[in-house]
Amino acid sequence: MTVDQAAPPGAAPPGAAPPRDEPPVRPVTSTTGPRTGPELVPVVPVSAGRRSAPRWLRRAAVPVFLLALWQVLSASGALESDILASPGTIARTAWTLVSDGTLPSAMFVSLQRVAVGLAAGVLAGVLLALASGLSRLGEDLVDPVVQMLRSVPWVGVIPLFIIWLGIGEAPKIALISLGVAFHLYLNVYAGIRGVDAQLVEAGTSLGLGRWGLIRHVVLPGALPGAMTGLRYSLATAWLALVFGEQVNADDGLGFLMNQAREFFRTDVIVVCLVVYAVLGLLADFIVRTLERLLLQWRPTFTGQ
C-alpha cells in the first residue's frame, strides 16, 4: 500500500481481524435522571436482620435458671435444708430480718466500718504511690517496704492488731485499710510510671514546670489505673470486713453470720452473703459510673 492509498484514520490495518460489534452502553436511568455508571446497591450485613434479646434479659437468664434449679432441688428433697435452705425460705427470712430492723441495723454498722476503713486505706495508698511514683528517692525509700509488707497475708496480722489495738472497732478498720491501701498503691504507682514519656516531653516543650507536668500530664494519665485500683480496693474492703467482723463483733453482718453458724441457720448466712454481694455490686457500679464521667477523654473498646 502506497502513501496515496493509506488507510483512513480509524480503519483497521491490513491483515487485522475485523472489529466485533459491541453492544452500546445504555445509561442507567433512575428517578433522579440518567446516569452513566452502575447503580449502587447498599450492602446490608446478615446480622442486621437478626433479632436478639435485650441485654438485661440475657444477663439475667443464667442467674434465674440457677435460682429455679435450686428451688426445684430443694422442693424435691435432693437438697436438704440443713445443708442449704431453699430460696423461698431465704426470702422469708430476709423479710423477717428487715421487718424487725435487725438487717438494716447490721448493714448500717458494716457500711460505717467499710467507709472509714476505705477512706483511710485510699488516703494511705495514694500518698505512698505519689511519693514512690513521682520521685526516684521516694521509690527507693517507700517501694521496698510496701512490697515486703504486701507479701505478708493481711489476714494473718489480725492477732497483732488485737494486741496493739484491742478488740474494739480499731482492729476492724485497720484491717480494711491495710487491704485497701496495697491494691490502690500498686495501681496508682503503675499508672504514674506508665505515662507516655513523649507526653512528658511535649509538656516540657510547652513550658510546663514540674508541678504543671504532674497536674496536667502525669495525674490524668494515672487516673485510669487509679480507677481500676479503686474497684479492686472496694472488693478487698468487703472481704476484709468479713474477717474483721469475726473479731469480737456485737453488731454487723459478720455478727449475724457468726450467730447463724452456731445455730446452723443456713438461711441467715445466705441472706448476709447476698447482702454482701449486693453492696459490692452497688459500690462497683458507683465506681464504674465515676470512671465514665472522669475518663470521657479516653475512648475505649466496649465490645461487639
C-alpha atoms as a PDB file:
ATOM      1  CA  MET A   1       0.000   0.000   0.000  1.00  0.00           C
ATOM      2  CA  THR A   2       1.436   3.352  -1.053  1.00  0.00           C
ATOM      3  CA  VAL A   3       1.218   6.620   0.728  1.00  0.00           C
ATOM      4  CA  ASP A   4      -1.579   7.721  -1.588  1.00  0.00           C
ATOM      5  CA  GLN A   5      -3.504   4.584  -0.750  1.00  0.00           C
ATOM      6  CA  ALA A   6      -3.046   4.920   3.003  1.00  0.00           C
ATOM      7  CA  ALA A   7      -5.949   3.772   5.066  1.00  0.00           C
ATOM      8  CA  PRO A   8      -8.173   6.446   6.508  1.00  0.00           C
ATOM      9  CA  PRO A   9      -7.900   7.249  10.199  1.00  0.00           C
ATOM     10  CA  GLY A  10      -9.673   4.709  12.381  1.00  0.00           C
ATOM     11  CA  ALA A  11      -9.534   1.940   9.761  1.00  0.00           C
ATOM     12  CA  ALA A  12      -8.070  -1.441  10.699  1.00  0.00           C
ATOM     13  CA  PRO A  13      -4.559  -2.169   9.438  1.00  0.00           C
ATOM     14  CA  PRO A  14      -4.151  -4.711   6.635  1.00  0.00           C
ATOM     15  CA  GLY A  15      -4.329  -8.316   7.842  1.00  0.00           C
ATOM     16  CA  ALA A  16      -6.074  -7.423  11.125  1.00  0.00           C
ATOM     17  CA  ALA A  17      -9.260  -9.174  12.188  1.00  0.00           C
ATOM     18  CA  PRO A  18     -12.402  -7.213  11.583  1.00  0.00           C
ATOM     19  CA  PRO A  19     -13.718  -5.487  14.691  1.00  0.00           C
ATOM     20  CA  ARG A  20     -16.551  -7.173  16.588  1.00  0.00           C
ATOM     21  CA  ASP A  21     -19.783  -5.428  17.133  1.00  0.00           C
ATOM     22  CA  GLU A  22     -20.045  -4.422  20.829  1.00  0.00           C
ATOM     23  CA  PRO A  23     -23.371  -3.624  22.416  1.00  0.00           C
ATOM     24  CA  PRO A  24     -23.886   0.031  23.028  1.00  0.00           C
ATOM     25  CA  VAL A  25     -23.603   1.329  26.574  1.00  0.00           C
ATOM     26  CA  ARG A  26     -27.020   2.262  27.786  1.00  0.00           C
ATOM     27  CA  PRO A  27     -27.275   4.842  30.548  1.00  0.00           C
ATOM     28  CA  VAL A  28     -28.853   3.649  33.750  1.00  0.00           C
ATOM     29  CA  THR A  29     -31.956   5.620  34.432  1.00  0.00           C
ATOM     30  CA  SER A  30     -33.321   6.380  37.856  1.00  0.00           C
ATOM     31  CA  THR A  31     -35.841   8.670  39.395  1.00  0.00           C
ATOM     32  CA  THR A  32     -33.282  11.474  39.543  1.00  0.00           C
ATOM     33  CA  GLY A  33     -32.297  11.283  35.855  1.00  0.00           C
ATOM     34  CA  PRO A  34     -29.904   9.329  33.617  1.00  0.00           C
ATOM     35  CA  ARG A  35     -26.581   8.139  34.951  1.00  0.00           C
ATOM     36  CA  THR A  36     -23.684   6.626  33.082  1.00  0.00           C
ATOM     37  CA  GLY A  37     -22.316   4.482  35.937  1.00  0.00           C
ATOM     38  CA  PRO A  38     -23.663   1.304  37.520  1.00  0.00           C
ATOM     39  CA  GLU A  39     -26.369   1.679  40.109  1.00  0.00           C
ATOM     40  CA  LEU A  40     -25.098   1.345  43.690  1.00  0.00           C
ATOM     41  CA  VAL A  41     -26.872  -1.146  45.902  1.00  0.00           C
ATOM     42  CA  PRO A  42     -26.370  -0.814  49.692  1.00  0.00           C
ATOM     43  CA  VAL A  43     -24.835  -3.869  51.356  1.00  0.00           C
ATOM     44  CA  VAL A  44     -26.748  -4.976  54.456  1.00  0.00           C
ATOM     45  CA  PRO A  45     -24.960  -7.423  56.782  1.00  0.00           C
ATOM     46  CA  VAL A  46     -26.738 -10.658  57.579  1.00  0.00           C
ATOM     47  CA  SER A  47     -26.584  -9.947  61.318  1.00  0.00           C
ATOM     48  CA  ALA A  48     -28.598  -6.739  60.830  1.00  0.00           C
ATOM     49  CA  GLY A  49     -31.755  -8.705  60.167  1.00  0.00           C
ATOM     50  CA  ARG A  50     -31.439 -10.855  63.266  1.00  0.00           C
ATOM     51  CA  ARG A  51     -33.422 -10.031  66.350  1.00  0.00           C
ATOM     52  CA  SER A  52     -31.580 -10.507  69.613  1.00  0.00           C
ATOM     53  CA  ALA A  53     -32.970 -10.470  73.113  1.00  0.00           C
ATOM     54  CA  PRO A  54     -32.417  -7.370  75.266  1.00  0.00           C
ATOM     55  CA  ARG A  55     -29.101  -7.340  77.053  1.00  0.00           C
ATOM     56  CA  TRP A  56     -30.647  -7.207  80.539  1.00  0.00           C
ATOM     57  CA  LEU A  57     -32.626 -10.341  79.694  1.00  0.00           C
ATOM     58  CA  ARG A  58     -29.515 -12.197  78.550  1.00  0.00           C
ATOM     59  CA  ARG A  59     -27.619 -11.195  81.672  1.00  0.00           C
ATOM     60  CA  ALA A  60     -30.448 -12.349  83.931  1.00  0.00           C
ATOM     61  CA  ALA A  61     -31.102 -15.648  82.154  1.00  0.00           C
ATOM     62  CA  VAL A  62     -28.399 -17.750  83.837  1.00  0.00           C
ATOM     63  CA  PRO A  63     -28.988 -16.464  87.422  1.00  0.00           C
ATOM     64  CA  VAL A  64     -32.738 -17.038  87.071  1.00  0.00           C
ATOM     65  CA  PHE A  65     -32.145 -20.547  85.747  1.00  0.00           C
ATOM     66  CA  LEU A  66     -29.823 -21.406  88.631  1.00  0.00           C
ATOM     67  CA  LEU A  67     -32.315 -19.995  91.130  1.00  0.00           C
ATOM     68  CA  ALA A  68     -35.123 -22.074  89.649  1.00  0.00           C
ATOM     69  CA  LEU A  69     -32.940 -25.197  89.689  1.00  0.00           C
ATOM     70  CA  TRP A  70     -32.065 -24.517  93.318  1.00  0.00           C
ATOM     71  CA  GLN A  71     -35.753 -24.245  94.230  1.00  0.00           C
ATOM     72  CA  VAL A  72     -36.610 -27.458  92.365  1.00  0.00           C
ATOM     73  CA  LEU A  73     -33.835 -29.404  94.112  1.00  0.00           C
ATOM     74  CA  SER A  74     -34.939 -28.085  97.499  1.00  0.00           C
ATOM     75  CA  ALA A  75     -38.600 -28.875  96.880  1.00  0.00           C
ATOM     76  CA  SER A  76     -37.810 -32.405  95.688  1.00  0.00           C
ATOM     77  CA  GLY A  77     -35.705 -33.149  98.771  1.00  0.00           C
ATOM     78  CA  ALA A  78     -32.495 -33.645  96.800  1.00  0.00           C
ATOM     79  CA  LEU A  79     -31.035 -30.646  98.635  1.00  0.00           C
ATOM     80  CA  GLU A  80     -31.680 -30.827 102.366  1.00  0.00           C
ATOM     81  CA  SER A  81     -32.428 -27.685 104.351  1.00  0.00           C
ATOM     82  CA  ASP A  82     -29.649 -28.480 106.836  1.00  0.00           C
ATOM     83  CA  ILE A  83     -27.140 -28.164 104.006  1.00  0.00           C
ATOM     84  CA  LEU A  84     -28.701 -25.208 102.195  1.00  0.00           C
ATOM     85  CA  ALA A  85     -32.070 -23.575 102.716  1.00  0.00           C
ATOM     86  CA  SER A  86     -34.412 -23.126  99.778  1.00  0.00           C
ATOM     87  CA  PRO A  87     -34.791 -19.751  98.034  1.00  0.00           C
ATOM     88  CA  GLY A  88     -38.321 -19.418  99.421  1.00  0.00           C
ATOM     89  CA  THR A  89     -37.113 -19.930 102.988  1.00  0.00           C
ATOM     90  CA  ILE A  90     -34.279 -17.449 102.451  1.00  0.00           C
ATOM     91  CA  ALA A  91     -36.717 -14.856 101.097  1.00  0.00           C
ATOM     92  CA  ARG A  92     -38.988 -15.244 104.137  1.00  0.00           C
ATOM     93  CA  THR A  93     -36.010 -14.994 106.480  1.00  0.00           C
ATOM     94  CA  ALA A  94     -34.811 -11.849 104.744  1.00  0.00           C
ATOM     95  CA  TRP A  95     -38.263 -10.283 105.081  1.00  0.00           C
ATOM     96  CA  THR A  96     -38.341 -11.130 108.778  1.00  0.00           C
ATOM     97  CA  LEU A  97     -34.888  -9.648 109.369  1.00  0.00           C
ATOM     98  CA  VAL A  98     -35.845  -6.486 107.515  1.00  0.00           C
ATOM     99  CA  SER A  99     -39.193  -6.157 109.290  1.00  0.00           C
ATOM    100  CA  ASP A 100     -37.764  -6.341 112.801  1.00  0.00           C
ATOM    101  CA  GLY A 101     -34.901  -3.976 111.940  1.00  0.00           C
ATOM    102  CA  THR A 102     -32.101  -6.489 112.503  1.00  0.00           C
ATOM    103  CA  LEU A 103     -30.741  -6.462 108.952  1.00  0.00           C
ATOM    104  CA  PRO A 104     -30.857  -2.656 108.396  1.00  0.00           C
ATOM    105  CA  SER A 105     -29.048  -2.090 111.704  1.00  0.00           C
ATOM    106  CA  ALA A 106     -26.359  -4.624 110.800  1.00  0.00           C
ATOM    107  CA  MET A 107     -25.936  -3.127 107.320  1.00  0.00           C
ATOM    108  CA  PHE A 108     -25.552   0.371 108.744  1.00  0.00           C
ATOM    109  CA  VAL A 109     -22.796  -0.733 111.145  1.00  0.00           C
ATOM    110  CA  SER A 110     -20.937  -2.655 108.427  1.00  0.00           C
ATOM    111  CA  LEU A 111     -21.192   0.247 105.983  1.00  0.00           C
ATOM    112  CA  GLN A 112     -19.706   2.578 108.585  1.00  0.00           C
ATOM    113  CA  ARG A 113     -16.738   0.278 109.065  1.00  0.00           C
ATOM    114  CA  VAL A 114     -16.169  -0.065 105.343  1.00  0.00           C
ATOM    115  CA  ALA A 115     -16.464   3.679 104.754  1.00  0.00           C
ATOM    116  CA  VAL A 116     -13.943   4.620 107.445  1.00  0.00           C
ATOM    117  CA  GLY A 117     -11.518   1.843 106.519  1.00  0.00           C
ATOM    118  CA  LEU A 118     -11.816   2.606 102.806  1.00  0.00           C
ATOM    119  CA  ALA A 119     -11.153   6.312 103.321  1.00  0.00           C
ATOM    120  CA  ALA A 120      -8.070   5.636 105.438  1.00  0.00           C
ATOM    121  CA  GLY A 121      -6.767   2.996 103.007  1.00  0.00           C
ATOM    122  CA  VAL A 122      -7.317   5.170  99.938  1.00  0.00           C
ATOM    123  CA  LEU A 123      -5.529   8.099 101.553  1.00  0.00           C
ATOM    124  CA  ALA A 124      -2.553   5.982 102.606  1.00  0.00           C
ATOM    125  CA  GLY A 125      -2.310   4.136  99.285  1.00  0.00           C
ATOM    126  CA  VAL A 126      -2.485   7.270  97.133  1.00  0.00           C
ATOM    127  CA  LEU A 127       0.047   9.197  99.221  1.00  0.00           C
ATOM    128  CA  LEU A 128       2.520   6.306  99.178  1.00  0.00           C
ATOM    129  CA  ALA A 129       2.036   5.827  95.430  1.00  0.00           C
ATOM    130  CA  LEU A 130       2.615   9.528  94.741  1.00  0.00           C
ATOM    131  CA  ALA A 131       5.752   9.558  96.873  1.00  0.00           C
ATOM    132  CA  SER A 132       7.090   6.446  95.170  1.00  0.00           C
ATOM    133  CA  GLY A 133       5.943   7.139  91.615  1.00  0.00           C
ATOM    134  CA  LEU A 134       6.897  10.799  91.281  1.00  0.00           C
ATOM    135  CA  SER A 135      10.384  10.578  92.788  1.00  0.00           C
ATOM    136  CA  ARG A 136      13.231   8.117  92.451  1.00  0.00           C
ATOM    137  CA  LEU A 137      14.249   8.837  96.032  1.00  0.00           C
ATOM    138  CA  GLY A 138      10.707   8.132  97.178  1.00  0.00           C
ATOM    139  CA  GLU A 139      10.704   4.889  95.217  1.00  0.00           C
ATOM    140  CA  ASP A 140      13.929   3.758  96.885  1.00  0.00           C
ATOM    141  CA  LEU A 141      12.546   4.557 100.331  1.00  0.00           C
ATOM    142  CA  VAL A 142       8.895   3.506 100.032  1.00  0.00           C
ATOM    143  CA  ASP A 143       8.558   0.786  97.423  1.00  0.00           C
ATOM    144  CA  PRO A 144      10.745  -1.915  99.054  1.00  0.00           C
ATOM    145  CA  VAL A 145       8.875  -1.613 102.358  1.00  0.00           C
ATOM    146  CA  VAL A 146       5.465  -1.713 100.682  1.00  0.00           C
ATOM    147  CA  GLN A 147       6.393  -4.698  98.542  1.00  0.00           C
ATOM    148  CA  MET A 148       7.677  -6.538 101.600  1.00  0.00           C
ATOM    149  CA  LEU A 149       4.507  -5.863 103.603  1.00  0.00           C
ATOM    150  CA  ARG A 150       2.339  -6.749 100.606  1.00  0.00           C
ATOM    151  CA  SER A 151       3.809 -10.231 100.570  1.00  0.00           C
ATOM    152  CA  VAL A 152       2.538 -10.834 104.104  1.00  0.00           C
ATOM    153  CA  PRO A 153      -1.062 -12.166 104.204  1.00  0.00           C
ATOM    154  CA  TRP A 154      -3.010  -9.244 105.628  1.00  0.00           C
ATOM    155  CA  VAL A 155      -5.437 -11.612 107.335  1.00  0.00           C
ATOM    156  CA  GLY A 156      -2.516 -13.019 109.307  1.00  0.00           C
ATOM    157  CA  VAL A 157      -1.927  -9.720 111.096  1.00  0.00           C
ATOM    158  CA  ILE A 158      -5.282  -9.900 112.926  1.00  0.00           C
ATOM    159  CA  PRO A 159      -3.676 -11.243 116.142  1.00  0.00           C
ATOM    160  CA  LEU A 160      -1.183  -8.367 116.118  1.00  0.00           C
ATOM    161  CA  PHE A 161      -3.951  -5.827 115.548  1.00  0.00           C
ATOM    162  CA  ILE A 162      -5.864  -7.278 118.501  1.00  0.00           C
ATOM    163  CA  ILE A 163      -2.770  -6.996 120.724  1.00  0.00           C
ATOM    164  CA  TRP A 164      -1.950  -3.484 119.553  1.00  0.00           C
ATOM    165  CA  LEU A 165      -5.453  -2.001 119.166  1.00  0.00           C
ATOM    166  CA  GLY A 166      -7.660  -4.101 121.409  1.00  0.00           C
ATOM    167  CA  ILE A 167     -10.889  -5.809 120.400  1.00  0.00           C
ATOM    168  CA  GLY A 168     -12.999  -2.751 119.562  1.00  0.00           C
ATOM    169  CA  GLU A 169     -13.564  -1.057 116.212  1.00  0.00           C
ATOM    170  CA  ALA A 170      -9.916  -0.124 115.653  1.00  0.00           C
ATOM    171  CA  PRO A 171      -8.600  -3.547 114.508  1.00  0.00           C
ATOM    172  CA  LYS A 172     -11.525  -3.994 112.109  1.00  0.00           C
ATOM    173  CA  ILE A 173     -10.949  -0.621 110.465  1.00  0.00           C
ATOM    174  CA  ALA A 174      -7.186  -1.162 110.386  1.00  0.00           C
ATOM    175  CA  LEU A 175      -7.624  -4.499 108.636  1.00  0.00           C
ATOM    176  CA  ILE A 176      -9.843  -2.941 105.970  1.00  0.00           C
ATOM    177  CA  SER A 177      -7.420  -0.054 105.486  1.00  0.00           C
ATOM    178  CA  LEU A 178      -4.481  -2.406 105.095  1.00  0.00           C
ATOM    179  CA  GLY A 179      -6.154  -4.458 102.387  1.00  0.00           C
ATOM    180  CA  VAL A 180      -7.324  -1.361 100.511  1.00  0.00           C
ATOM    181  CA  ALA A 181      -4.002   0.503 100.638  1.00  0.00           C
ATOM    182  CA  PHE A 182      -1.974  -2.207  98.901  1.00  0.00           C
ATOM    183  CA  HIS A 183      -4.289  -2.534  95.890  1.00  0.00           C
ATOM    184  CA  LEU A 184      -4.534   1.197  95.413  1.00  0.00           C
ATOM    185  CA  TYR A 185      -0.790   1.705  95.822  1.00  0.00           C
ATOM    186  CA  LEU A 186       0.087  -0.836  93.121  1.00  0.00           C
ATOM    187  CA  ASN A 187      -2.364   0.510  90.551  1.00  0.00           C
ATOM    188  CA  VAL A 188      -1.655   4.200  91.116  1.00  0.00           C
ATOM    189  CA  TYR A 189       2.098   3.585  91.068  1.00  0.00           C
ATOM    190  CA  ALA A 190       1.801   1.576  87.841  1.00  0.00           C
ATOM    191  CA  GLY A 191      -0.390   4.298  86.330  1.00  0.00           C
ATOM    192  CA  ILE A 192       2.147   7.019  87.129  1.00  0.00           C
ATOM    193  CA  ARG A 193       5.074   5.072  85.754  1.00  0.00           C
ATOM    194  CA  GLY A 194       3.028   4.050  82.709  1.00  0.00           C
ATOM    195  CA  VAL A 195       2.550   7.618  81.457  1.00  0.00           C
ATOM    196  CA  ASP A 196       3.989   8.028  77.954  1.00  0.00           C
ATOM    197  CA  ALA A 197       7.380   9.743  78.076  1.00  0.00           C
ATOM    198  CA  GLN A 198       6.568  11.613  74.860  1.00  0.00           C
ATOM    199  CA  LEU A 199       3.682  13.342  76.605  1.00  0.00           C
ATOM    200  CA  VAL A 200       6.037  14.482  79.333  1.00  0.00           C
ATOM    201  CA  GLU A 201       8.483  15.801  76.722  1.00  0.00           C
ATOM    202  CA  ALA A 202       5.659  17.599  74.939  1.00  0.00           C
ATOM    203  CA  GLY A 203       4.546  19.209  78.199  1.00  0.00           C
ATOM    204  CA  THR A 204       8.108  20.286  78.928  1.00  0.00           C
ATOM    205  CA  SER A 205       8.474  21.819  75.463  1.00  0.00           C
ATOM    206  CA  LEU A 206       5.254  23.756  76.048  1.00  0.00           C
ATOM    207  CA  GLY A 207       6.747  25.350  79.150  1.00  0.00           C
ATOM    208  CA  LEU A 208       5.173  23.283  81.926  1.00  0.00           C
ATOM    209  CA  GLY A 209       7.185  23.069  85.116  1.00  0.00           C
ATOM    210  CA  ARG A 210       7.400  20.104  87.485  1.00  0.00           C
ATOM    211  CA  TRP A 211       4.069  20.717  89.186  1.00  0.00           C
ATOM    212  CA  GLY A 212       2.435  21.608  85.881  1.00  0.00           C
ATOM    213  CA  LEU A 213       3.551  18.279  84.420  1.00  0.00           C
ATOM    214  CA  ILE A 214       2.241  16.434  87.459  1.00  0.00           C
ATOM    215  CA  ARG A 215      -1.105  18.202  87.343  1.00  0.00           C
ATOM    216  CA  HIS A 216      -1.795  18.245  83.605  1.00  0.00           C
ATOM    217  CA  VAL A 217       0.081  15.175  82.331  1.00  0.00           C
ATOM    218  CA  VAL A 218       1.032  12.642  84.995  1.00  0.00           C
ATOM    219  CA  LEU A 219      -2.071  12.596  87.184  1.00  0.00           C
ATOM    220  CA  PRO A 220      -4.586  12.449  84.281  1.00  0.00           C
ATOM    221  CA  GLY A 221      -2.502   9.673  82.734  1.00  0.00           C
ATOM    222  CA  ALA A 222      -2.544   7.737  86.010  1.00  0.00           C
ATOM    223  CA  LEU A 223      -6.286   8.189  86.551  1.00  0.00           C
ATOM    224  CA  PRO A 224      -7.346   5.009  84.656  1.00  0.00           C
ATOM    225  CA  GLY A 225      -5.047   2.931  86.843  1.00  0.00           C
ATOM    226  CA  ALA A 226      -6.383   4.645  89.950  1.00  0.00           C
ATOM    227  CA  MET A 227      -9.976   3.804  88.979  1.00  0.00           C
ATOM    228  CA  THR A 228      -9.027   0.167  88.446  1.00  0.00           C
ATOM    229  CA  GLY A 229      -7.279   0.125  91.802  1.00  0.00           C
ATOM    230  CA  LEU A 230     -10.346   1.618  93.463  1.00  0.00           C
ATOM    231  CA  ARG A 231     -12.538  -1.174  92.093  1.00  0.00           C
ATOM    232  CA  TYR A 232     -10.127  -3.793  93.438  1.00  0.00           C
ATOM    233  CA  SER A 233      -9.965  -1.944  96.737  1.00  0.00           C
ATOM    234  CA  LEU A 234     -13.728  -1.991  97.183  1.00  0.00           C
ATOM    235  CA  ALA A 235     -13.826  -5.755  96.668  1.00  0.00           C
ATOM    236  CA  THR A 236     -10.989  -6.172  99.158  1.00  0.00           C
ATOM    237  CA  ALA A 237     -12.744  -3.900 101.655  1.00  0.00           C
ATOM    238  CA  TRP A 238     -15.808  -6.169 101.752  1.00  0.00           C
ATOM    239  CA  LEU A 239     -13.595  -9.227 102.052  1.00  0.00           C
ATOM    240  CA  ALA A 240     -11.629  -7.668 104.901  1.00  0.00           C
ATOM    241  CA  LEU A 241     -14.908  -6.718 106.586  1.00  0.00           C
ATOM    242  CA  VAL A 242     -15.937 -10.388 106.720  1.00  0.00           C
ATOM    243  CA  PHE A 243     -12.711 -11.265 108.535  1.00  0.00           C
ATOM    244  CA  GLY A 244     -12.714  -8.133 110.679  1.00  0.00           C
ATOM    245  CA  GLU A 245     -16.209  -8.727 111.994  1.00  0.00           C
ATOM    246  CA  GLN A 246     -15.132 -12.104 113.308  1.00  0.00           C
ATOM    247  CA  VAL A 247     -13.150 -10.248 115.983  1.00  0.00           C
ATOM    248  CA  ASN A 248     -15.480  -9.851 118.966  1.00  0.00           C
ATOM    249  CA  ALA A 249     -18.195  -8.066 116.988  1.00  0.00           C
ATOM    250  CA  ASP A 250     -21.500  -7.322 118.718  1.00  0.00           C
ATOM    251  CA  ASP A 251     -23.255  -5.962 115.607  1.00  0.00           C
ATOM    252  CA  GLY A 252     -22.933  -6.011 111.854  1.00  0.00           C
ATOM    253  CA  LEU A 253     -23.339  -8.577 109.111  1.00  0.00           C
ATOM    254  CA  GLY A 254     -20.424 -10.633 110.377  1.00  0.00           C
ATOM    255  CA  PHE A 255     -22.033 -10.819 113.817  1.00  0.00           C
ATOM    256  CA  LEU A 256     -25.257 -12.150 112.270  1.00  0.00           C
ATOM    257  CA  MET A 257     -23.289 -14.765 110.343  1.00  0.00           C
ATOM    258  CA  ASN A 258     -21.477 -15.897 113.492  1.00  0.00           C
ATOM    259  CA  GLN A 259     -24.748 -16.314 115.358  1.00  0.00           C
ATOM    260  CA  ALA A 260     -26.301 -18.181 112.440  1.00  0.00           C
ATOM    261  CA  ARG A 261     -23.320 -20.523 112.246  1.00  0.00           C
ATOM    262  CA  GLU A 262     -23.747 -21.543 115.889  1.00  0.00           C
ATOM    263  CA  PHE A 263     -27.414 -22.467 115.304  1.00  0.00           C
ATOM    264  CA  PHE A 264     -26.897 -23.937 111.788  1.00  0.00           C
ATOM    265  CA  ARG A 265     -29.119 -21.249 110.231  1.00  0.00           C
ATOM    266  CA  THR A 266     -28.049 -21.501 106.606  1.00  0.00           C
ATOM    267  CA  ASP A 267     -30.875 -19.176 105.594  1.00  0.00           C
ATOM    268  CA  VAL A 268     -29.477 -16.297 107.673  1.00  0.00           C
ATOM    269  CA  ILE A 269     -25.957 -16.971 106.391  1.00  0.00           C
ATOM    270  CA  VAL A 270     -27.131 -16.853 102.777  1.00  0.00           C
ATOM    271  CA  VAL A 271     -29.084 -13.637 103.439  1.00  0.00           C
ATOM    272  CA  CYS A 272     -25.913 -11.983 104.772  1.00  0.00           C
ATOM    273  CA  LEU A 273     -23.897 -13.248 101.802  1.00  0.00           C
ATOM    274  CA  VAL A 274     -26.487 -11.859  99.387  1.00  0.00           C
ATOM    275  CA  VAL A 275     -26.332  -8.507 101.158  1.00  0.00           C
ATOM    276  CA  TYR A 276     -22.531  -8.521 100.857  1.00  0.00           C
ATOM    277  CA  ALA A 277     -22.835  -9.276  97.147  1.00  0.00           C
ATOM    278  CA  VAL A 278     -25.464  -6.576  96.516  1.00  0.00           C
ATOM    279  CA  LEU A 279     -23.466  -3.941  98.388  1.00  0.00           C
ATOM    280  CA  GLY A 280     -20.341  -4.925  96.473  1.00  0.00           C
ATOM    281  CA  LEU A 281     -22.147  -4.670  93.127  1.00  0.00           C
ATOM    282  CA  LEU A 282     -23.600  -1.301  94.097  1.00  0.00           C
ATOM    283  CA  ALA A 283     -20.170   0.032  95.057  1.00  0.00           C
ATOM    284  CA  ASP A 284     -18.681  -1.275  91.797  1.00  0.00           C
ATOM    285  CA  PHE A 285     -21.484   0.384  89.825  1.00  0.00           C
ATOM    286  CA  ILE A 286     -20.741   3.719  91.503  1.00  0.00           C
ATOM    287  CA  VAL A 287     -17.042   3.452  90.658  1.00  0.00           C
ATOM    288  CA  ARG A 288     -17.757   2.491  87.050  1.00  0.00           C
ATOM    289  CA  THR A 289     -20.111   5.464  86.698  1.00  0.00           C
ATOM    290  CA  LEU A 290     -17.449   7.738  88.161  1.00  0.00           C
ATOM    291  CA  GLU A 291     -14.935   6.220  85.757  1.00  0.00           C
ATOM    292  CA  ARG A 292     -17.117   7.004  82.740  1.00  0.00           C
ATOM    293  CA  LEU A 293     -17.530  10.596  83.906  1.00  0.00           C
ATOM    294  CA  LEU A 294     -13.844  11.229  84.630  1.00  0.00           C
ATOM    295  CA  LEU A 295     -12.445   9.363  81.620  1.00  0.00           C
ATOM    296  CA  GLN A 296     -14.635  10.737  78.831  1.00  0.00           C
ATOM    297  CA  TRP A 297     -11.487  11.892  77.055  1.00  0.00           C
ATOM    298  CA  ARG A 298     -10.283   8.280  76.670  1.00  0.00           C
ATOM    299  CA  PRO A 299     -12.395   6.290  74.188  1.00  0.00           C
ATOM    300  CA  THR A 300     -12.069   2.557  74.779  1.00  0.00           C
ATOM    301  CA  PHE A 301     -13.297  -0.646  73.208  1.00  0.00           C
ATOM    302  CA  THR A 302     -16.693  -1.642  74.594  1.00  0.00           C
ATOM    303  CA  GLY A 303     -17.206  -4.994  72.876  1.00  0.00           C
ATOM    304  CA  GLN A 304     -19.180  -6.051  69.826  1.00  0.00           C
END
